Amino acid sequence: MTTEIFIVLEGGYTAPQSFYDRIKTEILDALHVLVPDAEYTAEMLCGPDLWGSLKRSEPALAGRCVADMVRKGTLPLRFVGCGHRQPKRYTLI
């Protein structure tokens, strides 16, 4: 029997840790190409290959994972603009 670990996100959403880690790794690997003061969406941060491979509700979950990582300080990013703006935007710290 396989046990899957889930990360609890804000609002009671959950994400499989493997999915969460995949998003985090992709963004950390791409940090060196981000431009200071530029604004990025989760889709831009994840890149076209990863984003294009996401199914049905996964893009929304990926966005929630990115927001969670930024809130927790896991990524060297901060929120930009209005908190209610969708999709959320991020910039380098």
C-alpha atoms as a PDB file:
ATOM      1  CA  MET A   1       0.000   0.000   0.000  1.00  0.00           C
ATOM      2  CA  THR A   2       1.285   3.455  -0.917  1.00  0.00           C
ATOM      3  CA  THR A   3       0.820   6.412   1.338  1.00  0.00           C
ATOM      4  CA  GLU A   4       0.606   9.866  -0.189  1.00  0.00           C
ATOM      5  CA  ILE A   5       1.391  12.947   1.866  1.00  0.00           C
ATOM      6  CA  PHE A   6      -0.694  16.098   1.353  1.00  0.00           C
ATOM      7  CA  ILE A   7       0.141  19.735   2.050  1.00  0.00           C
ATOM      8  CA  VAL A   8      -2.706  21.775   3.578  1.00  0.00           C
ATOM      9  CA  LEU A   9      -3.072  25.125   1.816  1.00  0.00           C
ATOM     10  CA  GLU A  10      -4.927  28.265   2.860  1.00  0.00           C
ATOM     11  CA  GLY A  11      -8.674  27.916   2.560  1.00  0.00           C
ATOM     12  CA  GLY A  12      -8.633  24.212   3.388  1.00  0.00           C
ATOM     13  CA  TYR A  13      -7.337  23.098  -0.011  1.00  0.00           C
ATOM     14  CA  THR A  14      -4.858  20.242  -0.154  1.00  0.00           C
ATOM     15  CA  ALA A  15      -2.142  19.367  -2.639  1.00  0.00           C
ATOM     16  CA  PRO A  16      -0.181  16.134  -2.937  1.00  0.00           C
ATOM     17  CA  GLN A  17       3.339  16.794  -1.678  1.00  0.00           C
ATOM     18  CA  SER A  18       4.758  15.390  -4.925  1.00  0.00           C
ATOM     19  CA  PHE A  19       2.758  17.993  -6.909  1.00  0.00           C
ATOM     20  CA  TYR A  20       3.727  20.786  -4.495  1.00  0.00           C
ATOM     21  CA  ASP A  21       7.405  19.830  -4.692  1.00  0.00           C
ATOM     22  CA  ARG A  22       7.282  19.655  -8.498  1.00  0.00           C
ATOM     23  CA  ILE A  23       5.971  23.227  -8.663  1.00  0.00           C
ATOM     24  CA  LYS A  24       8.577  24.424  -6.133  1.00  0.00           C
ATOM     25  CA  THR A  25      11.476  22.747  -7.959  1.00  0.00           C
ATOM     26  CA  GLU A  26      10.444  24.186 -11.308  1.00  0.00           C
ATOM     27  CA  ILE A  27      10.288  27.715  -9.901  1.00  0.00           C
ATOM     28  CA  LEU A  28      13.544  27.435  -7.934  1.00  0.00           C
ATOM     29  CA  ASP A  29      15.301  26.168 -11.063  1.00  0.00           C
ATOM     30  CA  ALA A  30      14.067  29.199 -13.033  1.00  0.00           C
ATOM     31  CA  LEU A  31      14.855  31.925 -10.479  1.00  0.00           C
ATOM     32  CA  HIS A  32      18.105  32.862 -12.212  1.00  0.00           C
ATOM     33  CA  VAL A  33      16.222  34.117 -15.290  1.00  0.00           C
ATOM     34  CA  LEU A  34      13.705  36.278 -13.421  1.00  0.00           C
ATOM     35  CA  VAL A  35      14.141  40.028 -13.759  1.00  0.00           C
ATOM     36  CA  PRO A  36      14.031  42.159 -10.582  1.00  0.00           C
ATOM     37  CA  ASP A  37      10.883  44.315 -10.308  1.00  0.00           C
ATOM     38  CA  ALA A  38       9.133  42.379 -13.092  1.00  0.00           C
ATOM     39  CA  GLU A  39       5.741  40.845 -12.303  1.00  0.00           C
ATOM     40  CA  TYR A  40       5.040  37.149 -12.836  1.00  0.00           C
ATOM     41  CA  THR A  41       1.970  34.932 -12.617  1.00  0.00           C
ATOM     42  CA  ALA A  42       2.129  31.344 -11.398  1.00  0.00           C
ATOM     43  CA  GLU A  43       1.823  30.255 -15.028  1.00  0.00           C
ATOM     44  CA  MET A  44       4.877  32.309 -15.984  1.00  0.00           C
ATOM     45  CA  LEU A  45       6.853  31.052 -12.985  1.00  0.00           C
ATOM     46  CA  CYS A  46       6.047  27.409 -13.722  1.00  0.00           C
ATOM     47  CA  GLY A  47       6.975  27.705 -17.386  1.00  0.00           C
ATOM     48  CA  PRO A  48       5.145  26.490 -20.487  1.00  0.00           C
ATOM     49  CA  ASP A  49       6.197  22.840 -20.267  1.00  0.00           C
ATOM     50  CA  LEU A  50       4.977  22.263 -16.729  1.00  0.00           C
ATOM     51  CA  TRP A  51       1.909  24.488 -17.088  1.00  0.00           C
ATOM     52  CA  GLY A  52       0.957  22.836 -20.365  1.00  0.00           C
ATOM     53  CA  SER A  53       1.120  19.398 -18.765  1.00  0.00           C
ATOM     54  CA  LEU A  54      -1.396  20.278 -16.027  1.00  0.00           C
ATOM     55  CA  LYS A  55      -4.848  18.716 -16.253  1.00  0.00           C
ATOM     56  CA  ARG A  56      -8.329  20.099 -15.456  1.00  0.00           C
ATOM     57  CA  SER A  57      -8.176  21.754 -12.031  1.00  0.00           C
ATOM     58  CA  GLU A  58      -4.394  21.491 -11.627  1.00  0.00           C
ATOM     59  CA  PRO A  59      -3.572  25.030 -12.878  1.00  0.00           C
ATOM     60  CA  ALA A  60      -5.711  26.498 -10.081  1.00  0.00           C
ATOM     61  CA  LEU A  61      -4.072  24.158  -7.573  1.00  0.00           C
ATOM     62  CA  ALA A  62      -0.614  25.123  -8.866  1.00  0.00           C
ATOM     63  CA  GLY A  63      -1.527  28.783  -8.323  1.00  0.00           C
ATOM     64  CA  ARG A  64      -2.627  28.028  -4.769  1.00  0.00           C
ATOM     65  CA  CYS A  65       0.648  26.177  -4.166  1.00  0.00           C
ATOM     66  CA  VAL A  66       2.707  29.142  -5.408  1.00  0.00           C
ATOM     67  CA  ALA A  67       0.740  31.532  -3.170  1.00  0.00           C
ATOM     68  CA  ASP A  68       1.275  29.159  -0.229  1.00  0.00           C
ATOM     69  CA  MET A  69       5.028  29.014  -0.859  1.00  0.00           C
ATOM     70  CA  VAL A  70       5.223  32.810  -1.027  1.00  0.00           C
ATOM     71  CA  ARG A  71       3.226  33.192   2.213  1.00  0.00           C
ATOM     72  CA  LYS A  72       5.496  30.692   3.973  1.00  0.00           C
ATOM     73  CA  GLY A  73       8.706  32.288   2.612  1.00  0.00           C
ATOM     74  CA  THR A  74       9.687  29.118   0.756  1.00  0.00           C
ATOM     75  CA  LEU A  75      10.292  31.106  -2.435  1.00  0.00           C
ATOM     76  CA  PRO A  76      12.187  34.430  -2.628  1.00  0.00           C
ATOM     77  CA  LEU A  77       9.101  36.139  -4.034  1.00  0.00           C
ATOM     78  CA  ARG A  78       6.485  38.538  -2.737  1.00  0.00           C
ATOM     79  CA  PHE A  79       2.934  39.391  -3.750  1.00  0.00           C
ATOM     80  CA  VAL A  80       2.440  42.421  -5.999  1.00  0.00           C
ATOM     81  CA  GLY A  81      -0.690  44.530  -6.249  1.00  0.00           C
ATOM     82  CA  CYS A  82      -4.147  43.955  -4.875  1.00  0.00           C
ATOM     83  CA  GLY A  83      -4.695  40.808  -2.821  1.00  0.00           C
ATOM     84  CA  HIS A  84      -7.938  40.056  -4.662  1.00  0.00           C
ATOM     85  CA  ARG A  85      -6.451  40.292  -8.150  1.00  0.00           C
ATOM     86  CA  GLN A  86      -6.587  37.059 -10.114  1.00  0.00           C
ATOM     87  CA  PRO A  87      -4.299  35.637 -11.181  1.00  0.00           C
ATOM     88  CA  LYS A  88      -2.014  36.722  -8.366  1.00  0.00           C
ATOM     89  CA  ARG A  89       1.228  38.376  -9.370  1.00  0.00           C
ATOM     90  CA  TYR A  90       4.657  37.993  -7.818  1.00  0.00           C
ATOM     91  CA  THR A  91       8.035  39.667  -7.972  1.00  0.00           C
ATOM     92  CA  LEU A  92      11.480  38.849  -6.603  1.00  0.00           C
ATOM     93  CA  ILE A  93      12.249  39.957  -3.061  1.00  0.00           C
END
